[in-house]
Amino acid sequence: MFRILVVEDNEELNRTICSYLNKNDFEAIPCLNASQALEKLYVGNCDLIISDIMMPGMDGFELAKKIRVHNENLPILFLTAKDDFASKQRCCSTTYFTEKKLHHENTPSLQQIAF
């Protein structure tokens, strides 16, 4: 099964994303912060990471840097409220960047992002 690590500090949004993924035949692994995500990656693999950028403690950019040290090919999708150009430039180590206000018709599917 395709495993997706969901890193989002907003518990309700995290639950919603995980629920949607699980209902669509993905295995969603919820994490409420970047440290928890690193712990889960240490004990198991995943096929894709969906991460918020603005989180308490370690932010999504720092999480991506730490992941890239050990795995240059793991797709990372930033789902964030940030929409400024500087943030988009910092996302160069990720596979895809999208704002939380998604426009479904313009958003690629998870299969398009991960493959």
Protein backbone atom coordinates (compact mmCIF):
# COMPACT_ATOMS: atom_id res chain seq x y z
CA MET A 1 0.00 0.00 0.00
CA PHE A 2 1.21 3.53 -0.81
CA ARG A 3 2.27 5.14 2.51
CA ILE A 4 1.93 8.91 2.99
CA LEU A 5 3.34 10.76 5.98
CA VAL A 6 1.06 13.71 6.81
CA VAL A 7 2.85 16.43 8.84
CA GLU A 8 0.33 19.07 9.94
CA ASP A 9 0.14 20.70 13.38
CA ASN A 10 -3.56 21.55 13.06
CA GLU A 11 -5.14 18.37 14.46
CA GLU A 12 -8.47 18.78 12.67
CA LEU A 13 -6.84 19.38 9.28
CA ASN A 14 -4.44 16.49 9.89
CA ARG A 15 -7.38 14.18 10.67
CA THR A 16 -9.27 15.38 7.59
CA ILE A 17 -6.33 14.82 5.24
CA CYS A 18 -5.59 11.39 6.72
CA SER A 19 -9.23 10.37 6.55
CA TYR A 20 -9.46 11.39 2.90
CA LEU A 21 -6.27 9.51 2.02
CA ASN A 22 -7.30 6.37 3.91
CA LYS A 23 -10.69 6.35 2.16
CA ASN A 24 -8.87 6.50 -1.18
CA ASP A 25 -6.70 3.43 -0.58
CA PHE A 26 -3.59 5.16 0.76
CA GLU A 27 -2.05 4.48 4.16
CA ALA A 28 -1.90 7.87 5.90
CA ILE A 29 0.52 8.24 8.80
CA PRO A 30 -0.40 11.29 10.91
CA CYS A 31 2.26 13.49 12.53
CA LEU A 32 1.53 16.70 14.43
CA ASN A 33 5.06 18.12 14.17
CA ALA A 34 8.34 17.68 12.32
CA SER A 35 10.10 15.86 15.17
CA GLN A 36 7.36 13.25 15.24
CA ALA A 37 7.69 12.87 11.46
CA LEU A 38 11.43 12.23 11.73
CA GLU A 39 10.79 9.61 14.41
CA LYS A 40 8.25 7.82 12.19
CA LEU A 41 10.64 7.95 9.23
CA TYR A 42 13.38 6.45 11.39
CA VAL A 43 11.31 3.34 12.17
CA GLY A 44 9.59 2.93 8.79
CA ASN A 45 9.49 4.03 5.18
CA CYS A 46 6.95 6.10 3.33
CA ASP A 47 6.35 6.88 -0.33
CA LEU A 48 5.39 10.55 -0.03
CA ILE A 49 5.39 13.31 2.58
CA ILE A 50 2.69 15.97 2.76
CA SER A 51 3.89 18.69 5.12
CA ASP A 52 2.83 22.06 6.42
CA ILE A 53 5.56 24.72 6.43
CA MET A 54 4.60 26.84 9.42
CA MET A 55 4.75 24.60 12.49
CA PRO A 56 5.97 25.20 16.03
CA GLY A 57 9.53 24.08 16.65
CA MET A 58 11.05 22.75 13.46
CA ASP A 59 9.31 24.14 10.36
CA GLY A 60 8.64 22.27 7.13
CA PHE A 61 11.70 23.73 5.39
CA GLU A 62 14.02 22.41 8.12
CA LEU A 63 12.23 19.05 8.02
CA ALA A 64 12.83 18.82 4.27
CA LYS A 65 16.54 19.63 4.74
CA LYS A 66 16.90 16.87 7.33
CA ILE A 67 15.09 14.37 5.11
CA ARG A 68 17.21 15.28 2.08
CA VAL A 69 20.40 14.38 3.97
CA HIS A 70 19.24 10.74 4.04
CA ASN A 71 16.87 10.53 1.08
CA GLU A 72 17.19 12.79 -1.96
CA ASN A 73 14.36 11.10 -3.87
CA LEU A 74 11.46 11.00 -1.41
CA PRO A 75 8.69 13.23 -2.82
CA ILE A 76 7.66 16.08 -0.50
CA LEU A 77 4.52 18.11 -1.05
CA PHE A 78 4.22 21.34 0.94
CA LEU A 79 0.62 22.18 1.77
CA THR A 80 0.69 25.64 3.31
CA ALA A 81 -1.01 28.97 3.80
CA LYS A 82 2.16 30.70 2.54
CA ASP A 83 1.85 32.06 -0.97
CA ASP A 84 4.79 34.45 -1.23
CA PHE A 85 7.53 34.08 -3.83
CA ALA A 86 10.35 33.72 -1.25
CA SER A 87 8.64 30.69 0.29
CA LYS A 88 8.18 29.14 -3.13
CA GLN A 89 11.88 29.63 -3.86
CA ARG A 90 12.81 27.83 -0.62
CA CYS A 91 10.78 24.83 -1.76
CA CYS A 92 13.35 23.83 -4.37
CA SER A 93 14.05 20.58 -2.50
CA THR A 94 10.42 19.53 -2.69
CA THR A 95 8.45 17.85 -5.41
CA TYR A 96 5.42 20.15 -5.28
CA PHE A 97 4.21 23.26 -3.46
CA THR A 98 0.55 24.21 -3.11
CA GLU A 99 -1.43 26.65 -1.05
CA LYS A 100 -4.02 25.35 1.43
CA LYS A 101 -6.75 27.01 -0.59
CA LEU A 102 -6.74 24.35 -3.28
CA HIS A 103 -8.43 24.71 -6.64
CA HIS A 104 -9.28 21.11 -7.42
CA GLU A 105 -9.24 21.43 -11.21
CA ASN A 106 -5.69 22.89 -11.15
CA THR A 107 -4.24 20.52 -8.55
CA PRO A 108 -2.43 17.38 -9.67
CA SER A 109 -3.50 14.07 -8.19
CA LEU A 110 -1.27 12.31 -5.66
CA GLN A 111 -0.43 9.75 -8.31
CA GLN A 112 0.82 12.53 -10.63
CA ILE A 113 2.97 14.01 -7.87
CA ALA A 114 4.48 10.77 -6.63
CA PHE A 115 5.20 9.09 -9.95
